[in-house]
Amino acid sequence: MMNLELLESFGQNYPEEFDGALDCASLAVTCAFNRRGTLLAVGCNDGRIVIWDFLTRGIAKVISAHVHPVCSLSWSRAGYKLVSVSTDNNVCIWDVLSGECDIKYRFPSPVMKVQFHPRNDKMFLVCPMRHPAVLVNVDSSHEVIPMDDEGDVNIVASFDRRGEHIFTGNSRGKLLILSCPELKIKASFRIGQGTTSAAAVKSIEFARRTEFFLVNSADRVIRVYDARKVLKCGKDDDPDTTQKLQDLVNKTMWKKCCFSGDGEYICAGSARQHSLYIWERSVGNLVKILHGTKGEMLLDVVWHPVRPIMASISSGVVSVWSQNQVENWSAFAPDFKELDENVEYEERESEFDQSDEDKSIELSQERREEDVEVDVTSTEPVTAFCSSDEDDDSKALLYLPISPEIEEPEEGWGPEGAPNEDLSSKRSGDSKENVSPKKKRPKTFDVSLENAPTDEVHPLVSNRPKEKQTAGNKKGRNNSKGDSKKDRKKH
């Protein structure tokens, strides 16, 4: 924690190589870091949410959340709540510590994305398929976000960095900026000058620490804007982009884009293969291309909120990308010398005696200085974690407690020193199965939306023969590819 500020000052601040994989046993589809990057929530194909402790790279909790694949996840600001959406149109809010569902919302049509308000965990944003975005209050009241063009219902939406505005984009390249929660239009503009469907807005992403945001569009260009300038421009203006990023060689379509934690770099994942492109935001130059396994399709990529680490998903596995760590001991001890070969050490006569007769007076002076009391109790906020207007965030949930599994508990082990061995062994058995006998029923709300397309199928389900089944069983990956080829010939 205390050395976090130093990380940003030296060297490149972006990942440079593959650093292992997180295998959830089920096929991973989407993932999201909590605000500090200590926990990574992974939504899986079988409906489970696997929460990884990112420091130990171990599974901290598994929530049996949905029956169908989890397609979007979002953490609350403090990290105690997690909102998820499944391809069965259900949006659920989970208590991360207990693993129980607090509230369940049933939507009439497939939901593409869900996002908690950055500062208020009583409000979240839902992007249903072929329908305007919906702002939902936890008490079940909801408001449909106004549109500029009633004929265009392919809407993507996102909160800005502090949740003061909602940015929406349609398939004609038009962006609307609305105040939150009043939903009054503050500004609007069209990306690119052409009005063709090629400029459809695919996603809007905000940086964590600066006022920049990016727009990923169907014309294969990532446009970066300054939110302050866009808001000043007002309605139907044409604000300048600060950067336009694209792959001029391969004309790559982008599946998912994100900012680095400090907002200085932008990463975009290719829609055609497992390739991650990293640009420097201020200059617009491509600094790195990271290649995953050939032939795999990328599903999601997220950047760690504080460190130069990324997590990407393809073929159901989470790949971690980070910097190559070179041990430099002289950085810790200035008098440390690295030796190329063995050197015979000549010791002083009384060097290893209990009382050193030859010791200098300077040494004893140093000892005296060591006795000065150092304050180790008071904590100062770490600037790398803070926004410019940061309030005290000491109550955030950073780690999940894990109860140890004890195979043969001794007498007197357990709560209040319970001597009963049977009781304690029952408890340890229960914890393994993760079964809670008194499971509370979540509050369920049906969200009614006018003109919602109830017959639509979620793209994650319709794409499964191409993407998921080829990834299928990891052992039989080649066989499934062969089978899918045969099926295509039949058709």
Protein backbone atom coordinates (compact mmCIF):
# COMPACT_ATOMS: atom_id res chain seq x y z
CA MET A 1 0.00 0.00 0.00
CA MET A 2 2.65 2.52 1.08
CA ASN A 3 4.71 1.96 -2.10
CA LEU A 4 1.72 2.34 -4.42
CA GLU A 5 2.54 5.92 -5.39
CA LEU A 6 6.03 4.83 -6.47
CA LEU A 7 4.61 2.39 -9.02
CA GLU A 8 3.36 5.17 -11.27
CA SER A 9 6.65 7.05 -11.41
CA PHE A 10 8.98 4.52 -13.02
CA GLY A 11 8.96 2.62 -16.30
CA GLN A 12 6.02 1.68 -18.49
CA ASN A 13 2.77 1.41 -16.63
CA TYR A 14 1.11 -1.26 -18.77
CA PRO A 15 1.19 -5.09 -18.89
CA GLU A 16 3.79 -6.70 -21.11
CA GLU A 17 3.39 -10.46 -20.83
CA PHE A 18 1.12 -13.37 -19.94
CA ASP A 19 1.12 -14.07 -16.20
CA GLY A 20 -0.93 -17.24 -15.73
CA ALA A 21 -4.60 -18.17 -15.93
CA LEU A 22 -7.48 -18.38 -13.46
CA ASP A 23 -9.50 -21.53 -14.16
CA CYS A 24 -12.97 -21.42 -12.63
CA ALA A 25 -13.86 -25.06 -13.55
CA SER A 26 -16.88 -23.61 -15.40
CA LEU A 27 -16.55 -21.50 -18.55
CA ALA A 28 -15.96 -17.81 -17.75
CA VAL A 29 -17.98 -15.26 -19.74
CA THR A 30 -17.49 -11.87 -18.06
CA CYS A 31 -15.47 -10.38 -15.19
CA ALA A 32 -15.20 -7.22 -13.06
CA PHE A 33 -12.71 -5.92 -10.48
CA ASN A 34 -13.89 -4.31 -7.25
CA ARG A 35 -12.83 -0.69 -6.69
CA ARG A 36 -9.43 -1.52 -5.17
CA GLY A 37 -8.67 -4.50 -7.40
CA THR A 38 -8.41 -6.93 -4.46
CA LEU A 39 -11.31 -9.11 -5.66
CA LEU A 40 -12.22 -10.22 -9.19
CA ALA A 41 -15.80 -11.41 -9.83
CA VAL A 42 -16.14 -13.82 -12.76
CA GLY A 43 -19.54 -14.65 -14.28
CA CYS A 44 -19.72 -18.16 -15.71
CA ASN A 45 -21.61 -20.06 -18.39
CA ASP A 46 -23.40 -22.26 -15.82
CA GLY A 47 -24.79 -19.23 -13.95
CA ARG A 48 -22.24 -19.22 -11.11
CA ILE A 49 -20.30 -16.16 -9.94
CA VAL A 50 -16.76 -17.02 -8.83
CA ILE A 51 -15.03 -14.39 -6.68
CA TRP A 52 -11.24 -14.60 -6.79
CA ASP A 53 -8.94 -13.11 -4.19
CA PHE A 54 -6.64 -11.39 -6.67
CA LEU A 55 -3.67 -11.10 -4.30
CA THR A 56 -3.48 -14.83 -3.53
CA ARG A 57 -4.97 -15.83 -6.92
CA GLY A 58 -7.32 -18.24 -5.12
CA ILE A 59 -11.10 -18.63 -5.15
CA ALA A 60 -12.56 -16.78 -2.16
CA LYS A 61 -16.25 -17.51 -2.81
CA VAL A 62 -18.56 -19.22 -5.28
CA ILE A 63 -22.14 -17.94 -5.55
CA SER A 64 -24.63 -20.22 -7.30
CA ALA A 65 -26.34 -17.21 -8.80
CA HIS A 66 -28.30 -17.99 -11.96
CA VAL A 67 -29.34 -21.02 -13.99
CA HIS A 68 -28.34 -19.46 -17.33
CA PRO A 69 -25.01 -17.77 -18.30
CA VAL A 70 -24.04 -14.57 -16.45
CA CYS A 71 -23.49 -11.88 -19.09
CA SER A 72 -22.71 -8.73 -17.04
CA LEU A 73 -21.45 -7.89 -13.53
CA SER A 74 -20.94 -4.68 -11.53
CA TRP A 75 -19.64 -4.01 -7.99
CA SER A 76 -21.10 -1.40 -5.67
CA ARG A 77 -18.70 1.35 -4.58
CA ALA A 78 -17.94 -0.16 -1.16
CA GLY A 79 -17.83 -3.70 -2.58
CA TYR A 80 -20.49 -5.25 -0.31
CA LYS A 81 -23.00 -5.68 -3.15
CA LEU A 82 -22.69 -7.20 -6.60
CA VAL A 83 -25.31 -6.83 -9.33
CA SER A 84 -25.46 -9.50 -12.03
CA VAL A 85 -27.57 -10.18 -15.10
CA SER A 86 -28.19 -13.50 -16.79
CA THR A 87 -29.38 -14.48 -20.27
CA ASP A 88 -32.72 -15.50 -18.68
CA ASN A 89 -33.50 -11.72 -18.31
CA ASN A 90 -33.07 -11.73 -14.50
CA VAL A 91 -31.09 -8.98 -12.74
CA CYS A 92 -30.04 -9.85 -9.16
CA ILE A 93 -28.35 -7.91 -6.35
CA TRP A 94 -26.11 -10.13 -4.20
CA ASP A 95 -24.76 -9.70 -0.70
CA VAL A 96 -21.09 -10.54 -1.27
CA LEU A 97 -20.34 -11.68 2.31
CA SER A 98 -23.32 -14.03 2.71
CA GLY A 99 -23.60 -15.00 -0.96
CA GLU A 100 -27.38 -14.52 -0.80
CA CYS A 101 -29.63 -12.72 -3.27
CA ASP A 102 -31.16 -9.55 -1.77
CA ILE A 103 -33.40 -8.48 -4.64
CA LYS A 104 -34.30 -10.02 -8.00
CA TYR A 105 -35.73 -8.08 -10.96
CA ARG A 106 -37.39 -9.90 -13.85
CA PHE A 107 -37.14 -8.05 -17.16
CA PRO A 108 -39.38 -8.83 -20.16
CA SER A 109 -36.52 -8.84 -22.69
CA PRO A 110 -32.80 -9.80 -22.72
CA VAL A 111 -30.46 -7.45 -20.79
CA MET A 112 -27.04 -6.65 -22.29
CA LYS A 113 -25.39 -4.70 -19.46
CA VAL A 114 -25.89 -3.70 -15.83
CA GLN A 115 -23.93 -1.04 -13.91
CA PHE A 116 -24.13 0.17 -10.29
CA HIS A 117 -24.18 3.93 -9.74
CA PRO A 118 -20.54 4.89 -8.91
CA ARG A 119 -21.53 6.69 -5.66
CA ASN A 120 -24.98 5.32 -4.74
CA ASP A 121 -25.63 1.59 -4.29
CA LYS A 122 -29.39 2.23 -4.20
CA MET A 123 -29.45 2.87 -7.95
CA PHE A 124 -28.27 1.00 -11.05
CA LEU A 125 -28.42 1.24 -14.84
CA VAL A 126 -29.81 -1.52 -17.08
CA CYS A 127 -29.38 -1.73 -20.87
CA PRO A 128 -32.08 -4.06 -22.26
CA MET A 129 -31.77 -5.38 -25.81
CA ARG A 130 -33.49 -3.24 -28.47
CA HIS A 131 -34.97 -0.92 -25.83
CA PRO A 132 -33.93 2.40 -24.21
CA ALA A 133 -31.75 2.12 -21.09
CA VAL A 134 -33.52 1.95 -17.71
CA LEU A 135 -32.50 3.63 -14.44
CA VAL A 136 -33.63 1.34 -11.60
CA ASN A 137 -33.96 2.30 -7.94
CA VAL A 138 -33.42 -0.58 -5.52
CA ASP A 139 -36.99 -0.13 -4.19
CA SER A 140 -38.20 -1.36 -7.63
CA SER A 141 -39.22 2.02 -9.07
CA HIS A 142 -37.66 2.56 -12.49
CA GLU A 143 -37.42 5.25 -15.13
CA VAL A 144 -36.82 4.80 -18.85
CA ILE A 145 -34.01 7.08 -20.03
CA PRO A 146 -35.31 9.51 -22.73
CA MET A 147 -34.19 9.08 -26.33
CA ASP A 148 -33.47 11.64 -29.02
CA ASP A 149 -34.59 9.41 -31.90
CA GLU A 150 -37.68 7.31 -31.14
CA GLY A 151 -37.08 5.06 -34.15
CA ASP A 152 -33.64 3.90 -32.93
CA VAL A 153 -33.86 1.59 -29.93
CA ASN A 154 -30.36 0.03 -30.05
CA ILE A 155 -29.08 1.98 -27.04
CA VAL A 156 -25.87 1.62 -25.00
CA ALA A 157 -25.50 3.63 -21.79
CA SER A 158 -23.04 4.30 -18.97
CA PHE A 159 -22.73 6.42 -15.84
CA ASP A 160 -19.91 8.94 -15.89
CA ARG A 161 -17.09 8.72 -13.36
CA ARG A 162 -19.05 10.17 -10.44
CA GLY A 163 -22.55 9.23 -11.56
CA GLU A 164 -23.60 12.86 -12.11
CA HIS A 165 -24.55 12.16 -15.74
CA ILE A 166 -25.65 9.24 -17.89
CA PHE A 167 -24.17 8.99 -21.40
CA THR A 168 -26.24 7.10 -24.00
CA GLY A 169 -25.40 6.23 -27.61
CA ASN A 170 -27.55 4.85 -30.43
CA SER A 171 -26.96 2.91 -33.65
CA ARG A 172 -26.83 6.14 -35.67
CA GLY A 173 -23.80 7.45 -33.79
CA LYS A 174 -25.72 9.98 -31.67
CA LEU A 175 -24.68 10.51 -28.05
CA LEU A 176 -26.95 12.08 -25.41
CA ILE A 177 -25.70 13.30 -22.03
CA LEU A 178 -28.40 13.40 -19.35
CA SER A 179 -28.24 14.60 -15.75
CA CYS A 180 -28.70 11.93 -13.09
CA PRO A 181 -31.17 11.31 -11.50
CA GLU A 182 -33.29 14.11 -13.12
CA LEU A 183 -32.69 12.69 -16.67
CA LYS A 184 -32.66 16.13 -18.32
CA ILE A 185 -30.69 16.36 -21.60
CA LYS A 186 -27.54 18.48 -21.01
CA ALA A 187 -25.62 17.90 -24.25
CA SER A 188 -25.72 15.85 -27.45
CA PHE A 189 -23.48 15.24 -30.46
CA ARG A 190 -22.92 12.78 -33.30
CA ILE A 191 -19.68 10.85 -33.69
CA GLY A 192 -18.20 11.22 -37.17
CA GLN A 193 -19.84 13.33 -39.85
CA GLY A 194 -21.53 10.51 -41.76
CA THR A 195 -25.00 9.34 -40.72
CA THR A 196 -24.52 5.74 -41.87
CA SER A 197 -25.19 2.75 -39.64
CA ALA A 198 -21.42 2.07 -39.69
CA ALA A 199 -20.99 4.69 -36.96
CA ALA A 200 -23.25 2.82 -34.50
CA VAL A 201 -22.11 3.26 -30.90
CA LYS A 202 -21.13 -0.13 -29.45
CA SER A 203 -19.95 0.93 -25.98
CA ILE A 204 -19.05 3.94 -23.83
CA GLU A 205 -16.32 3.57 -21.17
CA PHE A 206 -15.05 6.07 -18.58
CA ALA A 207 -11.59 6.43 -17.04
CA ARG A 208 -11.39 6.01 -13.25
CA ARG A 209 -9.19 8.99 -12.50
CA THR A 210 -9.44 11.57 -15.29
CA GLU A 211 -12.40 13.18 -17.07
CA PHE A 212 -11.83 11.27 -20.32
CA PHE A 213 -14.20 8.75 -21.86
CA LEU A 214 -14.06 6.62 -25.01
CA VAL A 215 -16.69 5.66 -27.57
CA ASN A 216 -16.26 2.34 -29.37
CA SER A 217 -18.21 2.41 -32.64
CA ALA A 218 -18.97 0.04 -35.50
CA ASP A 219 -16.68 1.97 -37.88
CA ARG A 220 -13.73 0.35 -36.02
CA VAL A 221 -12.52 3.65 -34.55
CA ILE A 222 -12.17 4.32 -30.81
CA ARG A 223 -12.80 8.02 -30.15
CA VAL A 224 -11.59 9.61 -26.92
CA TYR A 225 -13.33 12.73 -25.58
CA ASP A 226 -12.94 15.05 -22.61
CA ALA A 227 -16.27 14.97 -20.70
CA ARG A 228 -15.88 18.57 -19.50
CA LYS A 229 -15.53 19.92 -23.06
CA VAL A 230 -18.46 17.82 -24.28
CA LEU A 231 -20.71 19.18 -21.53
CA LYS A 232 -19.67 22.78 -22.34
CA CYS A 233 -20.54 22.30 -26.02
CA GLY A 234 -24.24 21.79 -25.29
CA LYS A 235 -26.80 20.24 -27.65
CA ASP A 236 -26.12 19.16 -31.25
CA ASP A 237 -22.58 20.49 -31.31
CA ASP A 238 -19.49 18.78 -32.68
CA PRO A 239 -16.85 18.48 -29.92
CA ASP A 240 -13.30 17.59 -30.95
CA THR A 241 -11.92 14.16 -30.13
CA THR A 242 -8.72 14.16 -28.09
CA GLN A 243 -7.68 10.91 -29.81
CA LYS A 244 -8.86 8.57 -32.55
CA LEU A 245 -7.47 5.06 -32.17
CA GLN A 246 -7.71 2.25 -34.71
CA ASP A 247 -5.83 -0.69 -36.19
CA LEU A 248 -4.96 0.68 -39.63
CA VAL A 249 -3.35 -2.59 -40.79
CA ASN A 250 -6.04 -5.19 -39.99
CA LYS A 251 -9.07 -2.84 -39.63
CA THR A 252 -9.95 -4.69 -36.43
CA MET A 253 -13.42 -4.53 -34.88
CA TRP A 254 -13.21 -4.02 -31.12
CA LYS A 255 -15.05 -6.36 -28.75
CA LYS A 256 -14.32 -4.51 -25.50
CA CYS A 257 -12.35 -1.38 -24.56
CA CYS A 258 -11.16 -0.07 -21.18
CA PHE A 259 -8.91 2.58 -19.59
CA SER A 260 -5.96 1.86 -17.31
CA GLY A 261 -6.45 2.68 -13.63
CA ASP A 262 -4.68 6.05 -13.97
CA GLY A 263 -6.42 6.85 -17.28
CA GLU A 264 -3.10 7.14 -19.15
CA TYR A 265 -3.51 4.03 -21.32
CA ILE A 266 -6.38 2.53 -23.33
CA CYS A 267 -6.75 -1.17 -24.03
CA ALA A 268 -8.96 -2.63 -26.76
CA GLY A 269 -9.65 -6.32 -27.31
CA SER A 270 -10.08 -7.59 -30.86
CA ALA A 271 -13.46 -9.06 -31.84
CA ARG A 272 -11.79 -11.57 -34.17
CA GLN A 273 -9.08 -13.11 -32.00
CA HIS A 274 -7.51 -13.04 -28.53
CA SER A 275 -5.40 -9.91 -29.11
CA LEU A 276 -5.14 -6.89 -26.80
CA TYR A 277 -3.97 -3.54 -28.19
CA ILE A 278 -2.63 -0.90 -25.76
CA TRP A 279 -2.33 2.80 -26.67
CA GLU A 280 -0.96 5.74 -24.73
CA ARG A 281 -3.92 8.11 -24.37
CA SER A 282 -2.03 11.43 -24.37
CA VAL A 283 -0.03 10.69 -27.55
CA GLY A 284 -2.25 8.13 -29.30
CA ASN A 285 0.65 5.80 -30.14
CA LEU A 286 0.30 2.01 -30.02
CA VAL A 287 2.71 0.78 -27.32
CA LYS A 288 1.97 -2.94 -27.09
CA ILE A 289 0.00 -5.79 -28.65
CA LEU A 290 -0.55 -8.82 -26.41
CA HIS A 291 -1.46 -12.08 -28.18
CA GLY A 292 -3.38 -14.90 -26.52
CA THR A 293 -3.78 -18.44 -27.90
CA LYS A 294 -4.40 -18.52 -31.66
CA GLY A 295 -7.93 -19.27 -32.76
CA GLU A 296 -9.55 -18.21 -29.50
CA MET A 297 -12.25 -15.54 -29.39
CA LEU A 298 -12.05 -12.78 -26.80
CA LEU A 299 -15.14 -12.30 -24.62
CA ASP A 300 -14.09 -9.64 -22.09
CA VAL A 301 -11.10 -7.61 -20.88
CA VAL A 302 -10.73 -5.48 -17.72
CA TRP A 303 -7.82 -3.41 -16.39
CA HIS A 304 -6.87 -3.55 -12.70
CA PRO A 305 -7.95 -0.31 -10.97
CA VAL A 306 -4.52 0.41 -9.45
CA ARG A 307 -1.80 -1.77 -10.96
CA PRO A 308 -0.58 -2.42 -14.53
CA ILE A 309 -2.44 -5.74 -14.71
CA MET A 310 -5.22 -6.89 -17.05
CA ALA A 311 -7.60 -9.85 -17.04
CA SER A 312 -9.04 -11.13 -20.32
CA ILE A 313 -11.47 -13.98 -21.02
CA SER A 314 -11.39 -16.41 -23.94
CA SER A 315 -12.43 -20.07 -24.23
CA GLY A 316 -13.87 -19.94 -20.72
CA VAL A 317 -10.54 -19.16 -19.02
CA VAL A 318 -9.41 -15.87 -17.41
CA SER A 319 -5.93 -14.89 -18.60
CA VAL A 320 -3.88 -12.49 -16.46
CA TRP A 321 -1.41 -10.07 -18.10
CA SER A 322 1.19 -8.14 -16.11
CA GLN A 323 4.70 -6.71 -16.16
CA ASN A 324 7.84 -8.78 -15.99
CA GLN A 325 9.14 -8.42 -12.42
CA VAL A 326 12.94 -8.20 -12.27
CA GLU A 327 14.47 -8.54 -8.81
CA ASN A 328 16.80 -5.67 -8.08
CA TRP A 329 18.06 -6.06 -4.52
CA SER A 330 20.27 -2.97 -4.66
CA ALA A 331 17.03 -0.93 -4.78
CA PHE A 332 16.26 -2.17 -1.23
CA ALA A 333 19.77 -2.04 0.27
CA PRO A 334 22.06 0.64 -1.21
CA ASP A 335 25.25 -1.20 -0.12
CA PHE A 336 24.12 -4.47 -1.75
CA LYS A 337 26.50 -5.71 -4.45
CA GLU A 338 25.57 -8.35 -7.02
CA LEU A 339 28.45 -10.75 -7.59
CA ASP A 340 29.18 -12.39 -10.95
CA GLU A 341 31.31 -15.07 -9.31
CA ASN A 342 32.23 -16.29 -5.82
CA VAL A 343 34.46 -13.95 -3.86
CA GLU A 344 36.36 -15.03 -0.75
CA TYR A 345 35.29 -12.86 2.18
CA GLU A 346 37.93 -11.73 4.66
CA GLU A 347 36.39 -11.27 8.09
CA ARG A 348 37.68 -8.97 10.76
CA GLU A 349 39.27 -10.52 13.85
CA SER A 350 36.31 -9.96 16.19
CA GLU A 351 33.51 -9.61 13.64
CA PHE A 352 31.41 -12.52 14.89
CA ASP A 353 32.31 -12.24 18.59
CA GLN A 354 29.53 -11.66 21.10
CA SER A 355 31.05 -8.38 22.22
CA ASP A 356 32.78 -6.64 19.34
CA GLU A 357 36.00 -5.01 20.58
CA ASP A 358 36.66 -3.26 17.26
CA LYS A 359 33.22 -1.72 16.78
CA SER A 360 33.21 1.98 15.94
CA ILE A 361 31.47 4.72 17.93
CA GLU A 362 29.38 5.63 14.86
CA LEU A 363 27.62 2.26 15.00
CA SER A 364 26.45 2.80 18.58
CA GLN A 365 25.09 6.21 17.50
CA GLU A 366 23.00 4.45 14.82
CA ARG A 367 21.65 2.03 17.43
CA ARG A 368 20.50 4.98 19.54
CA GLU A 369 18.67 6.45 16.56
CA GLU A 370 16.84 3.16 16.04
CA ASP A 371 15.10 3.63 19.38
CA VAL A 372 13.05 6.57 18.07
CA GLU A 373 9.35 5.69 18.12
CA VAL A 374 7.72 5.31 14.71
CA ASP A 375 3.98 5.93 14.33
CA VAL A 376 2.53 2.77 12.81
CA THR A 377 -1.09 3.15 13.90
CA SER A 378 -2.41 6.28 12.16
CA THR A 379 -3.25 5.80 8.47
CA GLU A 380 -3.18 8.39 5.72
CA PRO A 381 -5.30 7.98 2.57
CA VAL A 382 -3.37 6.53 -0.38
CA THR A 383 -3.66 8.97 -3.27
CA ALA A 384 -3.61 6.19 -5.88
CA PHE A 385 -6.97 5.01 -4.54
CA CYS A 386 -8.56 8.46 -4.27
CA SER A 387 -10.54 10.69 -6.58
CA SER A 388 -9.98 14.42 -6.28
CA ASP A 389 -13.14 14.78 -4.17
CA GLU A 390 -12.68 11.51 -2.28
CA ASP A 391 -14.54 10.93 0.93
CA ASP A 392 -13.31 8.50 3.55
CA ASP A 393 -13.59 5.03 2.11
CA SER A 394 -12.22 2.99 5.01
CA LYS A 395 -15.35 0.80 5.24
CA ALA A 396 -14.86 -0.82 1.83
CA LEU A 397 -14.93 -4.63 1.60
CA LEU A 398 -11.46 -5.56 0.34
CA TYR A 399 -11.14 -9.24 1.27
CA LEU A 400 -13.51 -12.10 1.98
CA PRO A 401 -13.08 -14.07 5.22
CA ILE A 402 -12.44 -17.78 4.72
CA SER A 403 -13.19 -20.34 7.43
CA PRO A 404 -10.52 -23.05 7.68
CA GLU A 405 -11.59 -26.61 6.86
CA ILE A 406 -10.59 -28.81 9.81
CA GLU A 407 -10.84 -32.52 9.10
CA GLU A 408 -10.57 -33.82 12.67
CA PRO A 409 -11.36 -30.99 15.09
CA GLU A 410 -9.97 -31.35 18.59
CA GLU A 411 -12.08 -31.17 21.72
CA GLY A 412 -12.93 -27.63 22.73
CA TRP A 413 -12.55 -26.34 19.16
CA GLY A 414 -15.31 -24.21 17.73
CA PRO A 415 -17.45 -21.28 18.78
CA GLU A 416 -17.36 -20.55 22.51
CA GLY A 417 -15.06 -23.53 22.98
CA ALA A 418 -17.84 -26.04 22.25
CA PRO A 419 -16.55 -29.41 23.41
CA ASN A 420 -18.94 -31.44 21.26
CA GLU A 421 -16.93 -33.08 18.46
CA ASP A 422 -20.01 -34.09 16.47
CA LEU A 423 -21.26 -30.51 16.37
CA SER A 424 -17.98 -29.11 15.09
CA SER A 425 -17.55 -31.83 12.46
CA LYS A 426 -21.09 -31.13 11.26
CA ARG A 427 -20.20 -27.48 10.97
CA SER A 428 -17.07 -28.13 8.95
CA GLY A 429 -19.05 -30.45 6.66
CA ASP A 430 -21.67 -27.78 6.12
CA SER A 431 -19.08 -25.19 5.23
CA LYS A 432 -17.60 -27.46 2.54
CA GLU A 433 -20.94 -27.93 0.85
CA ASN A 434 -21.69 -24.21 1.22
CA VAL A 435 -25.27 -25.03 2.22
CA SER A 436 -27.16 -22.55 4.36
CA PRO A 437 -30.31 -24.17 5.79
CA LYS A 438 -32.13 -20.87 6.48
CA LYS A 439 -31.89 -19.35 3.02
CA LYS A 440 -33.94 -16.18 2.85
CA ARG A 441 -36.12 -15.68 -0.20
CA PRO A 442 -35.12 -12.60 -2.20
CA LYS A 443 -37.63 -9.85 -2.92
CA THR A 444 -38.73 -10.30 -6.53
CA PHE A 445 -39.96 -7.49 -8.76
CA ASP A 446 -41.33 -7.75 -12.29
CA VAL A 447 -40.15 -4.76 -14.31
CA SER A 448 -42.71 -3.87 -16.99
CA LEU A 449 -41.33 -2.08 -20.06
CA GLU A 450 -43.54 -0.79 -22.87
CA ASN A 451 -42.74 -2.05 -26.37
CA ALA A 452 -40.01 -4.36 -25.04
CA PRO A 453 -39.13 -7.09 -27.59
CA THR A 454 -40.16 -10.19 -25.61
CA ASP A 455 -39.29 -12.64 -28.41
CA GLU A 456 -35.63 -11.58 -28.69
CA VAL A 457 -32.85 -14.09 -27.87
CA HIS A 458 -29.74 -12.90 -26.02
CA PRO A 459 -26.74 -12.78 -28.42
CA LEU A 460 -24.63 -14.74 -25.92
CA VAL A 461 -27.04 -17.67 -26.31
CA SER A 462 -27.46 -17.36 -30.08
CA ASN A 463 -23.65 -17.19 -30.59
CA ARG A 464 -22.99 -20.21 -28.46
CA PRO A 465 -22.55 -22.78 -31.29
CA LYS A 466 -19.76 -20.62 -32.72
CA GLU A 467 -18.03 -19.34 -29.57
CA LYS A 468 -18.94 -21.41 -26.57
CA GLN A 469 -19.25 -24.94 -27.84
CA THR A 470 -15.97 -24.79 -29.71
CA ALA A 471 -14.45 -23.72 -26.40
CA GLY A 472 -16.69 -26.36 -24.78
CA ASN A 473 -15.03 -28.99 -22.73
CA LYS A 474 -11.40 -27.99 -22.38
CA LYS A 475 -10.18 -31.58 -22.78
CA GLY A 476 -12.27 -32.27 -25.86
CA ARG A 477 -11.74 -28.89 -27.46
CA ASN A 478 -10.47 -30.31 -30.78
CA ASN A 479 -13.27 -32.86 -31.05
CA SER A 480 -15.95 -30.23 -30.56
CA LYS A 481 -14.37 -28.11 -33.29
CA GLY A 482 -14.55 -31.09 -35.64
CA ASP A 483 -18.17 -31.72 -34.73
CA SER A 484 -19.16 -28.12 -35.37
CA LYS A 485 -17.54 -28.31 -38.83
CA LYS A 486 -19.60 -31.43 -39.63
CA ASP A 487 -22.75 -29.67 -38.50
CA ARG A 488 -22.03 -26.73 -40.79
CA LYS A 489 -21.60 -29.12 -43.78
CA LYS A 490 -24.98 -30.69 -43.00
CA HIS A 491 -26.67 -27.29 -43.01
